Amino acid sequence: MKTMLLSLWDDFSNWVTLGWSDTTYIIVMCVLGIFAMVNILNFLKGNKFNKDKKPFKWPSLVICLVLFAIMAVLSMARYM
């Protein structure tokens, strides 16, 4: 089982490192970063006009954390 997981990680790392050009990697990371930052700003902005509703938008925080985790996995696959 452990060998299969290591093989899967090696395949993924080789795909990101060798299969993607530098331009593709930079574009993917920039797009993910922009979407993550927009979601965190939506989370922090909250509802200013409707005080009856919850002030924070929790799904945007979850999406932001998932996007940052994907960015971390991609950067680990590329540089480790």
PDB file of N, CA and C in Angstrom:
ATOM      1  N   MET A   1       0.827  -1.190   0.000  1.00  0.00           N
ATOM      2  CA  MET A   1       0.000   0.000   0.000  1.00  0.00           C
ATOM      3  C   MET A   1       0.875   1.259   0.000  1.00  0.00           C
ATOM      4  N   LYS A   2       1.892   1.240   0.862  1.00  0.00           N
ATOM      5  CA  LYS A   2       2.774   2.400   0.956  1.00  0.00           C
ATOM      6  C   LYS A   2       3.542   2.605  -0.351  1.00  0.00           C
ATOM      7  N   THR A   3       3.943   1.520  -0.974  1.00  0.00           N
ATOM      8  CA  THR A   3       4.660   1.605  -2.238  1.00  0.00           C
ATOM      9  C   THR A   3       3.768   2.185  -3.323  1.00  0.00           C
ATOM     10  N   MET A   4       2.498   1.803  -3.311  1.00  0.00           N
ATOM     11  CA  MET A   4       1.573   2.318  -4.307  1.00  0.00           C
ATOM     12  C   MET A   4       1.364   3.826  -4.127  1.00  0.00           C
ATOM     13  N   LEU A   5       1.267   4.290  -2.881  1.00  0.00           N
ATOM     14  CA  LEU A   5       1.095   5.714  -2.627  1.00  0.00           C
ATOM     15  C   LEU A   5       2.341   6.503  -3.012  1.00  0.00           C
ATOM     16  N   LEU A   6       3.519   5.947  -2.730  1.00  0.00           N
ATOM     17  CA  LEU A   6       4.753   6.623  -3.117  1.00  0.00           C
ATOM     18  C   LEU A   6       4.888   6.675  -4.630  1.00  0.00           C
ATOM     19  N   SER A   7       4.474   5.616  -5.288  1.00  0.00           N
ATOM     20  CA  SER A   7       4.510   5.600  -6.746  1.00  0.00           C
ATOM     21  C   SER A   7       3.541   6.628  -7.320  1.00  0.00           C
ATOM     22  N   LEU A   8       2.381   6.750  -6.723  1.00  0.00           N
ATOM     23  CA  LEU A   8       1.401   7.746  -7.176  1.00  0.00           C
ATOM     24  C   LEU A   8       1.951   9.160  -6.989  1.00  0.00           C
ATOM     25  N   TRP A   9       2.590   9.421  -5.838  1.00  0.00           N
ATOM     26  CA  TRP A   9       3.175  10.739  -5.601  1.00  0.00           C
ATOM     27  C   TRP A   9       4.305  11.018  -6.589  1.00  0.00           C
ATOM     28  N   ASP A  10       5.135  10.015  -6.865  1.00  0.00           N
ATOM     29  CA  ASP A  10       6.224  10.200  -7.829  1.00  0.00           C
ATOM     30  C   ASP A  10       5.687  10.500  -9.224  1.00  0.00           C
ATOM     31  N   ASP A  11       4.636   9.801  -9.616  1.00  0.00           N
ATOM     32  CA  ASP A  11       4.026  10.062 -10.923  1.00  0.00           C
ATOM     33  C   ASP A  11       3.456  11.483 -10.992  1.00  0.00           C
ATOM     34  N   PHE A  12       2.768  11.890  -9.936  1.00  0.00           N
ATOM     35  CA  PHE A  12       2.197  13.235  -9.899  1.00  0.00           C
ATOM     36  C   PHE A  12       3.298  14.293  -9.901  1.00  0.00           C
ATOM     37  N   SER A  13       4.342  14.073  -9.116  1.00  0.00           N
ATOM     38  CA  SER A  13       5.446  15.024  -9.056  1.00  0.00           C
ATOM     39  C   SER A  13       6.158  15.135 -10.396  1.00  0.00           C
ATOM     40  N   ASN A  14       6.363  14.017 -11.061  1.00  0.00           N
ATOM     41  CA  ASN A  14       6.990  14.058 -12.384  1.00  0.00           C
ATOM     42  C   ASN A  14       6.098  14.760 -13.403  1.00  0.00           C
ATOM     43  N   TRP A  15       4.782  14.560 -13.295  1.00  0.00           N
ATOM     44  CA  TRP A  15       3.862  15.217 -14.211  1.00  0.00           C
ATOM     45  C   TRP A  15       3.910  16.735 -14.031  1.00  0.00           C
ATOM     46  N   VAL A  16       3.923  17.192 -12.767  1.00  0.00           N
ATOM     47  CA  VAL A  16       3.955  18.634 -12.517  1.00  0.00           C
ATOM     48  C   VAL A  16       5.324  19.201 -12.892  1.00  0.00           C
ATOM     49  N   THR A  17       6.385  18.484 -12.593  1.00  0.00           N
ATOM     50  CA  THR A  17       7.731  19.001 -12.839  1.00  0.00           C
ATOM     51  C   THR A  17       8.112  18.932 -14.312  1.00  0.00           C
ATOM     52  N   LEU A  18       7.910  17.786 -14.930  1.00  0.00           N
ATOM     53  CA  LEU A  18       8.369  17.594 -16.302  1.00  0.00           C
ATOM     54  C   LEU A  18       7.278  17.838 -17.345  1.00  0.00           C
ATOM     55  N   GLY A  19       6.046  17.562 -16.991  1.00  0.00           N
ATOM     56  CA  GLY A  19       4.952  17.685 -17.948  1.00  0.00           C
ATOM     57  C   GLY A  19       4.485  19.115 -18.157  1.00  0.00           C
ATOM     58  N   TRP A  20       4.591  19.928 -17.107  1.00  0.00           N
ATOM     59  CA  TRP A  20       4.160  21.316 -17.204  1.00  0.00           C
ATOM     60  C   TRP A  20       5.367  22.197 -17.505  1.00  0.00           C
ATOM     61  N   SER A  21       5.179  23.157 -18.368  1.00  0.00           N
ATOM     62  CA  SER A  21       6.236  24.146 -18.587  1.00  0.00           C
ATOM     63  C   SER A  21       6.196  25.159 -17.442  1.00  0.00           C
ATOM     64  N   ASP A  22       7.214  26.000 -17.375  1.00  0.00           N
ATOM     65  CA  ASP A  22       7.248  27.026 -16.335  1.00  0.00           C
ATOM     66  C   ASP A  22       6.079  27.997 -16.467  1.00  0.00           C
ATOM     67  N   THR A  23       5.725  28.314 -17.691  1.00  0.00           N
ATOM     68  CA  THR A  23       4.612  29.240 -17.927  1.00  0.00           C
ATOM     69  C   THR A  23       3.289  28.648 -17.452  1.00  0.00           C
ATOM     70  N   THR A  24       3.073  27.382 -17.729  1.00  0.00           N
ATOM     71  CA  THR A  24       1.841  26.722 -17.289  1.00  0.00           C
ATOM     72  C   THR A  24       1.758  26.694 -15.768  1.00  0.00           C
ATOM     73  N   TYR A  25       2.867  26.358 -15.137  1.00  0.00           N
ATOM     74  CA  TYR A  25       2.900  26.307 -13.669  1.00  0.00           C
ATOM     75  C   TYR A  25       2.602  27.676 -13.078  1.00  0.00           C
ATOM     76  N   ILE A  26       3.204  28.713 -13.618  1.00  0.00           N
ATOM     77  CA  ILE A  26       2.997  30.063 -13.096  1.00  0.00           C
ATOM     78  C   ILE A  26       1.552  30.503 -13.299  1.00  0.00           C
ATOM     79  N   ILE A  27       0.978  30.206 -14.459  1.00  0.00           N
ATOM     80  CA  ILE A  27      -0.413  30.589 -14.720  1.00  0.00           C
ATOM     81  C   ILE A  27      -1.367  29.872 -13.770  1.00  0.00           C
ATOM     82  N   VAL A  28      -1.164  28.569 -13.564  1.00  0.00           N
ATOM     83  CA  VAL A  28      -2.036  27.799 -12.666  1.00  0.00           C
ATOM     84  C   VAL A  28      -1.931  28.325 -11.241  1.00  0.00           C
ATOM     85  N   MET A  29      -0.707  28.600 -10.779  1.00  0.00           N
ATOM     86  CA  MET A  29      -0.532  29.100  -9.418  1.00  0.00           C
ATOM     87  C   MET A  29      -1.128  30.500  -9.255  1.00  0.00           C
ATOM     88  N   CYS A  30      -0.986  31.344 -10.256  1.00  0.00           N
ATOM     89  CA  CYS A  30      -1.562  32.694 -10.181  1.00  0.00           C
ATOM     90  C   CYS A  30      -3.087  32.658 -10.156  1.00  0.00           C
ATOM     91  N   VAL A  31      -3.676  31.824 -10.980  1.00  0.00           N
ATOM     92  CA  VAL A  31      -5.143  31.721 -11.009  1.00  0.00           C
ATOM     93  C   VAL A  31      -5.667  31.186  -9.675  1.00  0.00           C
ATOM     94  N   LEU A  32      -5.032  30.137  -9.155  1.00  0.00           N
ATOM     95  CA  LEU A  32      -5.462  29.608  -7.856  1.00  0.00           C
ATOM     96  C   LEU A  32      -5.275  30.641  -6.754  1.00  0.00           C
ATOM     97  N   GLY A  33      -4.172  31.380  -6.793  1.00  0.00           N
ATOM     98  CA  GLY A  33      -3.929  32.411  -5.791  1.00  0.00           C
ATOM     99  C   GLY A  33      -4.931  33.543  -5.856  1.00  0.00           C
ATOM    100  N   ILE A  34      -5.280  33.962  -7.056  1.00  0.00           N
ATOM    101  CA  ILE A  34      -6.266  35.040  -7.206  1.00  0.00           C
ATOM    102  C   ILE A  34      -7.627  34.595  -6.691  1.00  0.00           C
ATOM    103  N   PHE A  35      -8.056  33.386  -7.059  1.00  0.00           N
ATOM    104  CA  PHE A  35      -9.344  32.893  -6.559  1.00  0.00           C
ATOM    105  C   PHE A  35      -9.336  32.751  -5.038  1.00  0.00           C
ATOM    106  N   ALA A  36      -8.224  32.314  -4.461  1.00  0.00           N
ATOM    107  CA  ALA A  36      -8.132  32.176  -3.007  1.00  0.00           C
ATOM    108  C   ALA A  36      -8.204  33.540  -2.330  1.00  0.00           C
ATOM    109  N   MET A  37      -7.514  34.518  -2.889  1.00  0.00           N
ATOM    110  CA  MET A  37      -7.534  35.853  -2.283  1.00  0.00           C
ATOM    111  C   MET A  37      -8.914  36.511  -2.391  1.00  0.00           C
ATOM    112  N   VAL A  38      -9.592  36.297  -3.506  1.00  0.00           N
ATOM    113  CA  VAL A  38     -10.952  36.838  -3.651  1.00  0.00           C
ATOM    114  C   VAL A  38     -11.879  36.196  -2.617  1.00  0.00           C
ATOM    115  N   ASN A  39     -11.736  34.895  -2.407  1.00  0.00           N
ATOM    116  CA  ASN A  39     -12.585  34.226  -1.426  1.00  0.00           C
ATOM    117  C   ASN A  39     -12.285  34.675  -0.004  1.00  0.00           C
ATOM    118  N   ILE A  40     -11.022  34.887   0.318  1.00  0.00           N
ATOM    119  CA  ILE A  40     -10.718  35.344   1.682  1.00  0.00           C
ATOM    120  C   ILE A  40     -11.189  36.783   1.890  1.00  0.00           C
ATOM    121  N   LEU A  41     -11.132  37.600   0.843  1.00  0.00           N
ATOM    122  CA  LEU A  41     -11.664  38.949   0.974  1.00  0.00           C
ATOM    123  C   LEU A  41     -13.184  38.935   1.136  1.00  0.00           C
ATOM    124  N   ASN A  42     -13.873  38.037   0.425  1.00  0.00           N
ATOM    125  CA  ASN A  42     -15.319  37.898   0.618  1.00  0.00           C
ATOM    126  C   ASN A  42     -15.643  37.427   2.022  1.00  0.00           C
ATOM    127  N   PHE A  43     -14.816  36.556   2.556  1.00  0.00           N
ATOM    128  CA  PHE A  43     -15.037  36.082   3.925  1.00  0.00           C
ATOM    129  C   PHE A  43     -14.846  37.215   4.925  1.00  0.00           C
ATOM    130  N   LEU A  44     -13.796  37.985   4.761  1.00  0.00           N
ATOM    131  CA  LEU A  44     -13.525  39.057   5.714  1.00  0.00           C
ATOM    132  C   LEU A  44     -14.469  40.235   5.573  1.00  0.00           C
ATOM    133  N   LYS A  45     -14.966  40.460   4.365  1.00  0.00           N
ATOM    134  CA  LYS A  45     -15.883  41.568   4.132  1.00  0.00           C
ATOM    135  C   LYS A  45     -17.203  41.333   4.844  1.00  0.00           C
ATOM    136  N   GLY A  46     -17.766  40.150   4.737  1.00  0.00           N
ATOM    137  CA  GLY A  46     -19.015  39.826   5.411  1.00  0.00           C
ATOM    138  C   GLY A  46     -20.194  40.608   4.872  1.00  0.00           C
ATOM    139  N   ASN A  47     -21.297  40.572   5.608  1.00  0.00           N
ATOM    140  CA  ASN A  47     -22.512  41.306   5.261  1.00  0.00           C
ATOM    141  C   ASN A  47     -22.534  42.609   6.034  1.00  0.00           C
ATOM    142  N   LYS A  48     -22.367  43.724   5.356  1.00  0.00           N
ATOM    143  CA  LYS A  48     -22.413  45.014   6.034  1.00  0.00           C
ATOM    144  C   LYS A  48     -23.827  45.582   6.082  1.00  0.00           C
ATOM    145  N   PHE A  49     -24.635  45.225   5.092  1.00  0.00           N
ATOM    146  CA  PHE A  49     -25.950  45.847   4.993  1.00  0.00           C
ATOM    147  C   PHE A  49     -27.015  45.097   5.786  1.00  0.00           C
ATOM    148  N   ASN A  50     -26.932  43.795   5.837  1.00  0.00           N
ATOM    149  CA  ASN A  50     -27.895  42.992   6.585  1.00  0.00           C
ATOM    150  C   ASN A  50     -27.241  42.522   7.870  1.00  0.00           C
ATOM    151  N   LYS A  51     -27.531  43.191   8.956  1.00  0.00           N
ATOM    152  CA  LYS A  51     -26.935  42.808  10.238  1.00  0.00           C
ATOM    153  C   LYS A  51     -27.642  41.603  10.849  1.00  0.00           C
ATOM    154  N   ASP A  52     -28.824  41.249  10.328  1.00  0.00           N
ATOM    155  CA  ASP A  52     -29.552  40.102  10.857  1.00  0.00           C
ATOM    156  C   ASP A  52     -28.911  38.791  10.441  1.00  0.00           C
ATOM    157  N   LYS A  53     -28.266  38.792   9.296  1.00  0.00           N
ATOM    158  CA  LYS A  53     -27.637  37.573   8.804  1.00  0.00           C
ATOM    159  C   LYS A  53     -26.280  37.384   9.470  1.00  0.00           C
ATOM    160  N   LYS A  54     -25.716  36.212   9.274  1.00  0.00           N
ATOM    161  CA  LYS A  54     -24.388  35.935   9.825  1.00  0.00           C
ATOM    162  C   LYS A  54     -23.373  36.871   9.167  1.00  0.00           C
ATOM    163  N   PRO A  55     -22.434  37.395   9.945  1.00  0.00           N
ATOM    164  CA  PRO A  55     -21.497  38.362   9.370  1.00  0.00           C
ATOM    165  C   PRO A  55     -20.446  37.728   8.457  1.00  0.00           C
ATOM    166  N   PHE A  56     -20.176  36.460   8.606  1.00  0.00           N
ATOM    167  CA  PHE A  56     -19.143  35.823   7.794  1.00  0.00           C
ATOM    168  C   PHE A  56     -19.757  34.815   6.836  1.00  0.00           C
ATOM    169  N   LYS A  57     -19.132  34.669   5.688  1.00  0.00           N
ATOM    170  CA  LYS A  57     -19.546  33.677   4.704  1.00  0.00           C
ATOM    171  C   LYS A  57     -18.591  32.490   4.816  1.00  0.00           C
ATOM    172  N   TRP A  58     -18.985  31.475   5.553  1.00  0.00           N
ATOM    173  CA  TRP A  58     -18.103  30.350   5.852  1.00  0.00           C
ATOM    174  C   TRP A  58     -17.736  29.513   4.632  1.00  0.00           C
ATOM    175  N   PRO A  59     -18.614  29.303   3.648  1.00  0.00           N
ATOM    176  CA  PRO A  59     -18.177  28.518   2.478  1.00  0.00           C
ATOM    177  C   PRO A  59     -17.019  29.170   1.723  1.00  0.00           C
ATOM    178  N   SER A  60     -16.957  30.487   1.703  1.00  0.00           N
ATOM    179  CA  SER A  60     -15.838  31.136   1.021  1.00  0.00           C
ATOM    180  C   SER A  60     -14.526  30.877   1.758  1.00  0.00           C
ATOM    181  N   LEU A  61     -14.572  30.758   3.090  1.00  0.00           N
ATOM    182  CA  LEU A  61     -13.361  30.429   3.846  1.00  0.00           C
ATOM    183  C   LEU A  61     -12.905  29.008   3.539  1.00  0.00           C
ATOM    184  N   VAL A  62     -13.847  28.086   3.456  1.00  0.00           N
ATOM    185  CA  VAL A  62     -13.509  26.690   3.157  1.00  0.00           C
ATOM    186  C   VAL A  62     -12.905  26.580   1.762  1.00  0.00           C
ATOM    187  N   ILE A  63     -13.498  27.256   0.797  1.00  0.00           N
ATOM    188  CA  ILE A  63     -12.965  27.234  -0.575  1.00  0.00           C
ATOM    189  C   ILE A  63     -11.565  27.847  -0.600  1.00  0.00           C
ATOM    190  N   CYS A  64     -11.371  28.912   0.138  1.00  0.00           N
ATOM    191  CA  CYS A  64     -10.061  29.558   0.203  1.00  0.00           C
ATOM    192  C   CYS A  64      -9.013  28.602   0.771  1.00  0.00           C
ATOM    193  N   LEU A  65      -9.343  27.911   1.844  1.00  0.00           N
ATOM    194  CA  LEU A  65      -8.396  26.966   2.448  1.00  0.00           C
ATOM    195  C   LEU A  65      -8.087  25.805   1.511  1.00  0.00           C
ATOM    196  N   VAL A  66      -9.090  25.329   0.784  1.00  0.00           N
ATOM    197  CA  VAL A  66      -8.863  24.242  -0.179  1.00  0.00           C
ATOM    198  C   VAL A  66      -7.940  24.715  -1.302  1.00  0.00           C
ATOM    199  N   LEU A  67      -8.156  25.923  -1.791  1.00  0.00           N
ATOM    200  CA  LEU A  67      -7.306  26.450  -2.861  1.00  0.00           C
ATOM    201  C   LEU A  67      -5.869  26.639  -2.392  1.00  0.00           C
ATOM    202  N   PHE A  68      -5.684  27.136  -1.161  1.00  0.00           N
ATOM    203  CA  PHE A  68      -4.332  27.269  -0.637  1.00  0.00           C
ATOM    204  C   PHE A  68      -3.680  25.902  -0.434  1.00  0.00           C
ATOM    205  N   ALA A  69      -4.459  24.897  -0.039  1.00  0.00           N
ATOM    206  CA  ALA A  69      -3.912  23.542   0.112  1.00  0.00           C
ATOM    207  C   ALA A  69      -3.495  22.973  -1.238  1.00  0.00           C
ATOM    208  N   ILE A  70      -4.295  23.210  -2.276  1.00  0.00           N
ATOM    209  CA  ILE A  70      -3.922  22.751  -3.627  1.00  0.00           C
ATOM    210  C   ILE A  70      -2.647  23.434  -4.080  1.00  0.00           C
ATOM    211  N   MET A  71      -2.528  24.733  -3.786  1.00  0.00           N
ATOM    212  CA  MET A  71      -1.301  25.443  -4.143  1.00  0.00           C
ATOM    213  C   MET A  71      -0.095  24.871  -3.409  1.00  0.00           C
ATOM    214  N   ALA A  72      -0.280  24.505  -2.151  1.00  0.00           N
ATOM    215  CA  ALA A  72       0.830  23.922  -1.385  1.00  0.00           C
ATOM    216  C   ALA A  72       1.237  22.568  -1.941  1.00  0.00           C
ATOM    217  N   VAL A  73       0.262  21.750  -2.303  1.00  0.00           N
ATOM    218  CA  VAL A  73       0.572  20.431  -2.868  1.00  0.00           C
ATOM    219  C   VAL A  73       1.298  20.576  -4.198  1.00  0.00           C
ATOM    220  N   LEU A  74       0.836  21.500  -5.034  1.00  0.00           N
ATOM    221  CA  LEU A  74       1.504  21.711  -6.321  1.00  0.00           C
ATOM    222  C   LEU A  74       2.932  22.218  -6.160  1.00  0.00           C
ATOM    223  N   SER A  75       3.136  23.113  -5.196  1.00  0.00           N
ATOM    224  CA  SER A  75       4.493  23.611  -5.006  1.00  0.00           C
ATOM    225  C   SER A  75       5.391  22.540  -4.394  1.00  0.00           C
ATOM    226  N   MET A  76       4.860  21.691  -3.527  1.00  0.00           N
ATOM    227  CA  MET A  76       5.660  20.580  -3.013  1.00  0.00           C
ATOM    228  C   MET A  76       5.993  19.587  -4.107  1.00  0.00           C
ATOM    229  N   ALA A  77       5.045  19.332  -4.996  1.00  0.00           N
ATOM    230  CA  ALA A  77       5.302  18.405  -6.099  1.00  0.00           C
ATOM    231  C   ALA A  77       6.317  18.982  -7.070  1.00  0.00           C
ATOM    232  N   ARG A  78       6.340  20.273  -7.203  1.00  0.00           N
ATOM    233  CA  ARG A  78       7.256  20.899  -8.158  1.00  0.00           C
ATOM    234  C   ARG A  78       8.678  21.010  -7.600  1.00  0.00           C
ATOM    235  N   TYR A  79       8.817  21.365  -6.337  1.00  0.00           N
ATOM    236  CA  TYR A  79      10.133  21.706  -5.811  1.00  0.00           C
ATOM    237  C   TYR A  79      10.709  20.723  -4.803  1.00  0.00           C
ATOM    238  N   MET A  80      10.012  19.685  -4.437  1.00  0.00           N
ATOM    239  CA  MET A  80      10.589  18.708  -3.500  1.00  0.00           C
ATOM    240  C   MET A  80      10.866  17.400  -4.162  1.00  0.00           C
TER     241      MET A  80
END
